PDB file of all heavy atoms in Angstrom:
ATOM      1  N   THR A   1     -14.577  -7.730   0.909  1.00  0.00           N
ATOM      2  CA  THR A   1     -15.396  -6.666   0.335  1.00  0.00           C
ATOM      3  C   THR A   1     -15.789  -5.596   1.330  1.00  0.00           C
ATOM      4  O   THR A   1     -16.605  -4.746   1.042  1.00  0.00           O
ATOM      5  CB  THR A   1     -16.664  -7.265  -0.258  1.00  0.00           C
ATOM      6  OG1 THR A   1     -17.378  -8.015   0.705  1.00  0.00           O
ATOM      7  CG2 THR A   1     -16.349  -8.227  -1.424  1.00  0.00           C
ATOM      8  N   GLU A   2     -15.193  -5.654   2.514  1.00  0.00           N
ATOM      9  CA  GLU A   2     -15.568  -4.671   3.568  1.00  0.00           C
ATOM     10  C   GLU A   2     -14.806  -3.357   3.374  1.00  0.00           C
ATOM     11  O   GLU A   2     -13.580  -3.357   3.269  1.00  0.00           O
ATOM     12  CB  GLU A   2     -15.236  -5.273   4.935  1.00  0.00           C
ATOM     13  CG  GLU A   2     -15.591  -4.339   6.108  1.00  0.00           C
ATOM     14  CD  GLU A   2     -15.200  -4.919   7.432  1.00  0.00           C
ATOM     15  OE1 GLU A   2     -14.672  -6.058   7.444  1.00  0.00           O
ATOM     16  OE2 GLU A   2     -15.385  -4.251   8.463  1.00  0.00           O
ATOM     17  N   THR A   3     -15.556  -2.265   3.247  1.00  0.00           N
ATOM     18  CA  THR A   3     -14.940  -0.948   3.117  1.00  0.00           C
ATOM     19  C   THR A   3     -15.981   0.114   3.425  1.00  0.00           C
ATOM     20  O   THR A   3     -17.177  -0.125   3.233  1.00  0.00           O
ATOM     21  CB  THR A   3     -14.365  -0.734   1.692  1.00  0.00           C
ATOM     22  OG1 THR A   3     -13.802   0.590   1.615  1.00  0.00           O
ATOM     23  CG2 THR A   3     -15.450  -0.877   0.654  1.00  0.00           C
ATOM     24  N   HIS A   4     -15.539   1.297   3.847  1.00  0.00           N
ATOM     25  CA  HIS A   4     -16.506   2.398   4.130  1.00  0.00           C
ATOM     26  C   HIS A   4     -16.827   3.127   2.834  1.00  0.00           C
ATOM     27  O   HIS A   4     -17.869   3.830   2.827  1.00  0.00           O
ATOM     28  CB  HIS A   4     -15.861   3.370   5.139  1.00  0.00           C
ATOM     29  CG  HIS A   4     -15.556   2.734   6.452  1.00  0.00           C
ATOM     30  ND1 HIS A   4     -16.541   2.287   7.289  1.00  0.00           N
ATOM     31  CD2 HIS A   4     -14.374   2.418   7.077  1.00  0.00           C
ATOM     32  CE1 HIS A   4     -16.010   1.776   8.413  1.00  0.00           C
ATOM     33  NE2 HIS A   4     -14.677   1.828   8.297  1.00  0.00           N
ATOM     34  N   ASP A   5     -16.040   3.015   1.826  1.00  0.00           N
ATOM     35  CA  ASP A   5     -16.319   3.682   0.540  1.00  0.00           C
ATOM     36  C   ASP A   5     -17.179   2.774  -0.304  1.00  0.00           C
ATOM     37  O   ASP A   5     -16.716   1.676  -0.775  1.00  0.00           O
ATOM     38  CB  ASP A   5     -14.976   3.999  -0.162  1.00  0.00           C
ATOM     39  CG  ASP A   5     -15.201   4.846  -1.420  1.00  0.00           C
ATOM     40  OD1 ASP A   5     -16.354   4.988  -1.853  1.00  0.00           O
ATOM     41  OD2 ASP A   5     -14.190   5.394  -1.899  1.00  0.00           O
ATOM     42  N   ARG A   6     -18.416   3.178  -0.575  1.00  0.00           N
ATOM     43  CA  ARG A   6     -19.316   2.324  -1.317  1.00  0.00           C
ATOM     44  C   ARG A   6     -18.876   2.133  -2.763  1.00  0.00           C
ATOM     45  O   ARG A   6     -19.099   1.066  -3.356  1.00  0.00           O
ATOM     46  CB  ARG A   6     -20.759   2.909  -1.302  1.00  0.00           C
ATOM     47  CG  ARG A   6     -21.439   2.836   0.066  1.00  0.00           C
ATOM     48  CD  ARG A   6     -22.770   3.530   0.035  1.00  0.00           C
ATOM     49  NE  ARG A   6     -23.438   3.401   1.338  1.00  0.00           N
ATOM     50  CZ  ARG A   6     -24.348   2.478   1.622  1.00  0.00           C
ATOM     51  NH1 ARG A   6     -24.693   1.616   0.734  1.00  0.00           N
ATOM     52  NH2 ARG A   6     -24.904   2.452   2.838  1.00  0.00           N
ATOM     53  N   ARG A   7     -18.252   3.170  -3.350  1.00  0.00           N
ATOM     54  CA  ARG A   7     -17.719   3.010  -4.710  1.00  0.00           C
ATOM     55  C   ARG A   7     -16.608   1.963  -4.766  1.00  0.00           C
ATOM     56  O   ARG A   7     -16.574   1.104  -5.671  1.00  0.00           O
ATOM     57  CB  ARG A   7     -17.185   4.342  -5.231  1.00  0.00           C
ATOM     58  CG  ARG A   7     -18.251   5.384  -5.477  1.00  0.00           C
ATOM     59  CD  ARG A   7     -17.590   6.680  -5.933  1.00  0.00           C
ATOM     60  NE  ARG A   7     -18.590   7.687  -6.267  1.00  0.00           N
ATOM     61  CZ  ARG A   7     -18.260   8.931  -6.603  1.00  0.00           C
ATOM     62  NH1 ARG A   7     -17.018   9.302  -6.590  1.00  0.00           N
ATOM     63  NH2 ARG A   7     -19.209   9.781  -6.890  1.00  0.00           N
ATOM     64  N   MET A   8     -15.719   2.030  -3.779  1.00  0.00           N
ATOM     65  CA  MET A   8     -14.639   1.083  -3.684  1.00  0.00           C
ATOM     66  C   MET A   8     -15.205  -0.329  -3.484  1.00  0.00           C
ATOM     67  O   MET A   8     -14.676  -1.319  -4.005  1.00  0.00           O
ATOM     68  CB  MET A   8     -13.668   1.436  -2.548  1.00  0.00           C
ATOM     69  CG  MET A   8     -12.426   0.583  -2.527  1.00  0.00           C
ATOM     70  SD  MET A   8     -11.441   0.820  -4.006  1.00  0.00           S
ATOM     71  CE  MET A   8     -10.195  -0.437  -3.780  1.00  0.00           C
ATOM     72  N   GLN A   9     -16.297  -0.441  -2.741  1.00  0.00           N
ATOM     73  CA  GLN A   9     -16.898  -1.770  -2.513  1.00  0.00           C
ATOM     74  C   GLN A   9     -17.449  -2.355  -3.802  1.00  0.00           C
ATOM     75  O   GLN A   9     -17.294  -3.541  -4.052  1.00  0.00           O
ATOM     76  CB  GLN A   9     -18.031  -1.620  -1.482  1.00  0.00           C
ATOM     77  CG  GLN A   9     -18.585  -2.982  -1.045  1.00  0.00           C
ATOM     78  CD  GLN A   9     -19.588  -2.816   0.062  1.00  0.00           C
ATOM     79  OE1 GLN A   9     -20.472  -1.971  -0.003  1.00  0.00           O
ATOM     80  NE2 GLN A   9     -19.499  -3.660   1.104  1.00  0.00           N
ATOM     81  N   LEU A  10     -17.998  -1.503  -4.637  1.00  0.00           N
ATOM     82  CA  LEU A  10     -18.487  -1.961  -5.945  1.00  0.00           C
ATOM     83  C   LEU A  10     -17.317  -2.429  -6.799  1.00  0.00           C
ATOM     84  O   LEU A  10     -17.399  -3.460  -7.502  1.00  0.00           O
ATOM     85  CB  LEU A  10     -19.226  -0.811  -6.659  1.00  0.00           C
ATOM     86  CG  LEU A  10     -20.136  -1.199  -7.825  1.00  0.00           C
ATOM     87  CD1 LEU A  10     -21.157  -2.215  -7.381  1.00  0.00           C
ATOM     88  CD2 LEU A  10     -20.807   0.033  -8.398  1.00  0.00           C
ATOM     89  N   MET A  11     -16.205  -1.740  -6.714  1.00  0.00           N
ATOM     90  CA  MET A  11     -14.976  -2.149  -7.424  1.00  0.00           C
ATOM     91  C   MET A  11     -14.501  -3.532  -6.923  1.00  0.00           C
ATOM     92  O   MET A  11     -14.062  -4.362  -7.658  1.00  0.00           O
ATOM     93  CB  MET A  11     -13.892  -1.135  -7.251  1.00  0.00           C
ATOM     94  CG  MET A  11     -14.083   0.177  -8.003  1.00  0.00           C
ATOM     95  SD  MET A  11     -13.748  -0.022  -9.766  1.00  0.00           S
ATOM     96  CE  MET A  11     -12.021  -0.361  -9.756  1.00  0.00           C
ATOM     97  N   LEU A  12     -14.578  -3.716  -5.620  1.00  0.00           N
ATOM     98  CA  LEU A  12     -14.146  -4.969  -5.021  1.00  0.00           C
ATOM     99  C   LEU A  12     -15.058  -6.123  -5.481  1.00  0.00           C
ATOM    100  O   LEU A  12     -14.583  -7.223  -5.725  1.00  0.00           O
ATOM    101  CB  LEU A  12     -14.161  -4.863  -3.491  1.00  0.00           C
ATOM    102  CG  LEU A  12     -13.107  -3.962  -2.865  1.00  0.00           C
ATOM    103  CD1 LEU A  12     -13.302  -3.764  -1.380  1.00  0.00           C
ATOM    104  CD2 LEU A  12     -11.695  -4.479  -3.156  1.00  0.00           C
ATOM    105  N   TYR A  13     -16.363  -5.878  -5.594  1.00  0.00           N
ATOM    106  CA  TYR A  13     -17.259  -6.879  -6.088  1.00  0.00           C
ATOM    107  C   TYR A  13     -16.905  -7.270  -7.529  1.00  0.00           C
ATOM    108  O   TYR A  13     -16.885  -8.461  -7.898  1.00  0.00           O
ATOM    109  CB  TYR A  13     -18.718  -6.396  -6.050  1.00  0.00           C
ATOM    110  CG  TYR A  13     -19.341  -6.392  -4.668  1.00  0.00           C
ATOM    111  CD1 TYR A  13     -20.159  -5.364  -4.247  1.00  0.00           C
ATOM    112  CD2 TYR A  13     -19.094  -7.451  -3.778  1.00  0.00           C
ATOM    113  CE1 TYR A  13     -20.750  -5.375  -2.977  1.00  0.00           C
ATOM    114  CE2 TYR A  13     -19.646  -7.467  -2.506  1.00  0.00           C
ATOM    115  CZ  TYR A  13     -20.484  -6.410  -2.106  1.00  0.00           C
ATOM    116  OH  TYR A  13     -21.038  -6.429  -0.873  1.00  0.00           O
ATOM    117  N   VAL A  14     -16.633  -6.277  -8.362  1.00  0.00           N
ATOM    118  CA  VAL A  14     -16.292  -6.549  -9.758  1.00  0.00           C
ATOM    119  C   VAL A  14     -14.959  -7.316  -9.828  1.00  0.00           C
ATOM    120  O   VAL A  14     -14.780  -8.224 -10.604  1.00  0.00           O
ATOM    121  CB  VAL A  14     -16.199  -5.254 -10.549  1.00  0.00           C
ATOM    122  CG1 VAL A  14     -15.697  -5.479 -11.957  1.00  0.00           C
ATOM    123  CG2 VAL A  14     -17.551  -4.548 -10.643  1.00  0.00           C
ATOM    124  N   SER A  15     -13.983  -6.911  -8.982  1.00  0.00           N
ATOM    125  CA  SER A  15     -12.692  -7.624  -8.931  1.00  0.00           C
ATOM    126  C   SER A  15     -12.861  -9.092  -8.527  1.00  0.00           C
ATOM    127  O   SER A  15     -12.242  -9.987  -9.066  1.00  0.00           O
ATOM    128  CB  SER A  15     -11.739  -6.901  -7.962  1.00  0.00           C
ATOM    129  OG  SER A  15     -10.557  -7.603  -7.854  1.00  0.00           O
ATOM    130  N   PHE A  16     -13.792  -9.310  -7.556  1.00  0.00           N
ATOM    131  CA  PHE A  16     -14.029 -10.705  -7.093  1.00  0.00           C
ATOM    132  C   PHE A  16     -14.650 -11.493  -8.220  1.00  0.00           C
ATOM    133  O   PHE A  16     -14.319 -12.667  -8.403  1.00  0.00           O
ATOM    134  CB  PHE A  16     -14.969 -10.658  -5.896  1.00  0.00           C
ATOM    135  CG  PHE A  16     -15.100 -11.991  -5.212  1.00  0.00           C
ATOM    136  CD1 PHE A  16     -14.180 -12.371  -4.214  1.00  0.00           C
ATOM    137  CD2 PHE A  16     -16.116 -12.855  -5.524  1.00  0.00           C
ATOM    138  CE1 PHE A  16     -14.294 -13.585  -3.594  1.00  0.00           C
ATOM    139  CE2 PHE A  16     -16.250 -14.094  -4.883  1.00  0.00           C
ATOM    140  CZ  PHE A  16     -15.324 -14.440  -3.898  1.00  0.00           C
ATOM    141  N   ALA A  17     -15.588 -10.885  -8.995  1.00  0.00           N
ATOM    142  CA  ALA A  17     -16.219 -11.596 -10.121  1.00  0.00           C
ATOM    143  C   ALA A  17     -15.173 -11.901 -11.187  1.00  0.00           C
ATOM    144  O   ALA A  17     -15.187 -12.992 -11.784  1.00  0.00           O
ATOM    145  CB  ALA A  17     -17.292 -10.723 -10.704  1.00  0.00           C
ATOM    146  N   ASN A  18     -14.242 -10.981 -11.399  1.00  0.00           N
ATOM    147  CA  ASN A  18     -13.180 -11.238 -12.379  1.00  0.00           C
ATOM    148  C   ASN A  18     -12.292 -12.419 -11.945  1.00  0.00           C
ATOM    149  O   ASN A  18     -11.942 -13.284 -12.783  1.00  0.00           O
ATOM    150  CB  ASN A  18     -12.319  -9.984 -12.553  1.00  0.00           C
ATOM    151  CG  ASN A  18     -11.253 -10.103 -13.616  1.00  0.00           C
ATOM    152  OD1 ASN A  18     -11.449 -10.847 -14.586  1.00  0.00           O
ATOM    153  ND2 ASN A  18     -10.158  -9.423 -13.478  1.00  0.00           N
ATOM    154  N   THR A  19     -11.957 -12.465 -10.686  1.00  0.00           N
ATOM    155  CA  THR A  19     -11.160 -13.597 -10.181  1.00  0.00           C
ATOM    156  C   THR A  19     -11.943 -14.895 -10.267  1.00  0.00           C
ATOM    157  O   THR A  19     -11.341 -15.971 -10.521  1.00  0.00           O
ATOM    158  CB  THR A  19     -10.738 -13.333  -8.740  1.00  0.00           C
ATOM    159  OG1 THR A  19     -10.055 -12.073  -8.670  1.00  0.00           O
ATOM    160  CG2 THR A  19      -9.802 -14.412  -8.210  1.00  0.00           C
ATOM    161  N   ALA A  20     -13.247 -14.832 -10.088  1.00  0.00           N
ATOM    162  CA  ALA A  20     -14.081 -16.032 -10.203  1.00  0.00           C
ATOM    163  C   ALA A  20     -14.033 -16.609 -11.639  1.00  0.00           C
ATOM    164  O   ALA A  20     -13.993 -17.828 -11.839  1.00  0.00           O
ATOM    165  CB  ALA A  20     -15.513 -15.749  -9.782  1.00  0.00           C
ATOM    166  N   ILE A  21     -14.014 -15.684 -12.621  1.00  0.00           N
ATOM    167  CA  ILE A  21     -13.919 -16.158 -14.008  1.00  0.00           C
ATOM    168  C   ILE A  21     -12.516 -16.758 -14.271  1.00  0.00           C
ATOM    169  O   ILE A  21     -12.434 -17.751 -14.980  1.00  0.00           O
ATOM    170  CB  ILE A  21     -14.196 -14.963 -14.972  1.00  0.00           C
ATOM    171  CG1 ILE A  21     -15.654 -14.508 -14.852  1.00  0.00           C
ATOM    172  CG2 ILE A  21     -13.865 -15.332 -16.392  1.00  0.00           C
ATOM    173  CD1 ILE A  21     -16.002 -13.308 -15.679  1.00  0.00           C
ATOM    174  N   LYS A  22     -11.507 -16.114 -13.714  1.00  0.00           N
ATOM    175  CA  LYS A  22     -10.161 -16.725 -13.847  1.00  0.00           C
ATOM    176  C   LYS A  22     -10.116 -18.108 -13.200  1.00  0.00           C
ATOM    177  O   LYS A  22      -9.516 -19.045 -13.714  1.00  0.00           O
ATOM    178  CB  LYS A  22      -9.115 -15.845 -13.138  1.00  0.00           C
ATOM    179  CG  LYS A  22      -8.850 -14.507 -13.819  1.00  0.00           C
ATOM    180  CD  LYS A  22      -7.826 -13.710 -13.011  1.00  0.00           C
ATOM    181  CE  LYS A  22      -7.621 -12.320 -13.588  1.00  0.00           C
ATOM    182  NZ  LYS A  22      -6.695 -11.509 -12.749  1.00  0.00           N
ATOM    183  N   TYR A  23     -10.807 -18.246 -12.097  1.00  0.00           N
ATOM    184  CA  TYR A  23     -10.832 -19.523 -11.360  1.00  0.00           C
ATOM    185  C   TYR A  23     -11.537 -20.585 -12.283  1.00  0.00           C
ATOM    186  O   TYR A  23     -11.033 -21.712 -12.376  1.00  0.00           O
ATOM    187  CB  TYR A  23     -11.630 -19.352 -10.080  1.00  0.00           C
ATOM    188  CG  TYR A  23     -12.024 -20.645  -9.382  1.00  0.00           C
ATOM    189  CD1 TYR A  23     -11.042 -21.427  -8.722  1.00  0.00           C
ATOM    190  CD2 TYR A  23     -13.322 -21.104  -9.407  1.00  0.00           C
ATOM    191  CE1 TYR A  23     -11.415 -22.596  -8.067  1.00  0.00           C
ATOM    192  CE2 TYR A  23     -13.682 -22.301  -8.762  1.00  0.00           C
ATOM    193  CZ  TYR A  23     -12.732 -23.047  -8.112  1.00  0.00           C
ATOM    194  OH  TYR A  23     -13.056 -24.229  -7.491  1.00  0.00           O
ATOM    195  N   ALA A  24     -12.676 -20.216 -12.894  1.00  0.00           N
ATOM    196  CA  ALA A  24     -13.333 -21.154 -13.817  1.00  0.00           C
ATOM    197  C   ALA A  24     -12.434 -21.476 -14.986  1.00  0.00           C
ATOM    198  O   ALA A  24     -12.410 -22.655 -15.456  1.00  0.00           O
ATOM    199  CB  ALA A  24     -14.647 -20.540 -14.295  1.00  0.00           C
TER     200      ALA A  24
END
């Protein structure tokens, strides 16, 4: 989730949450 673009970081958080749901 490391990035200088805060918007992109928010996108990465959402992507990580989506992968967590896939994992479940």
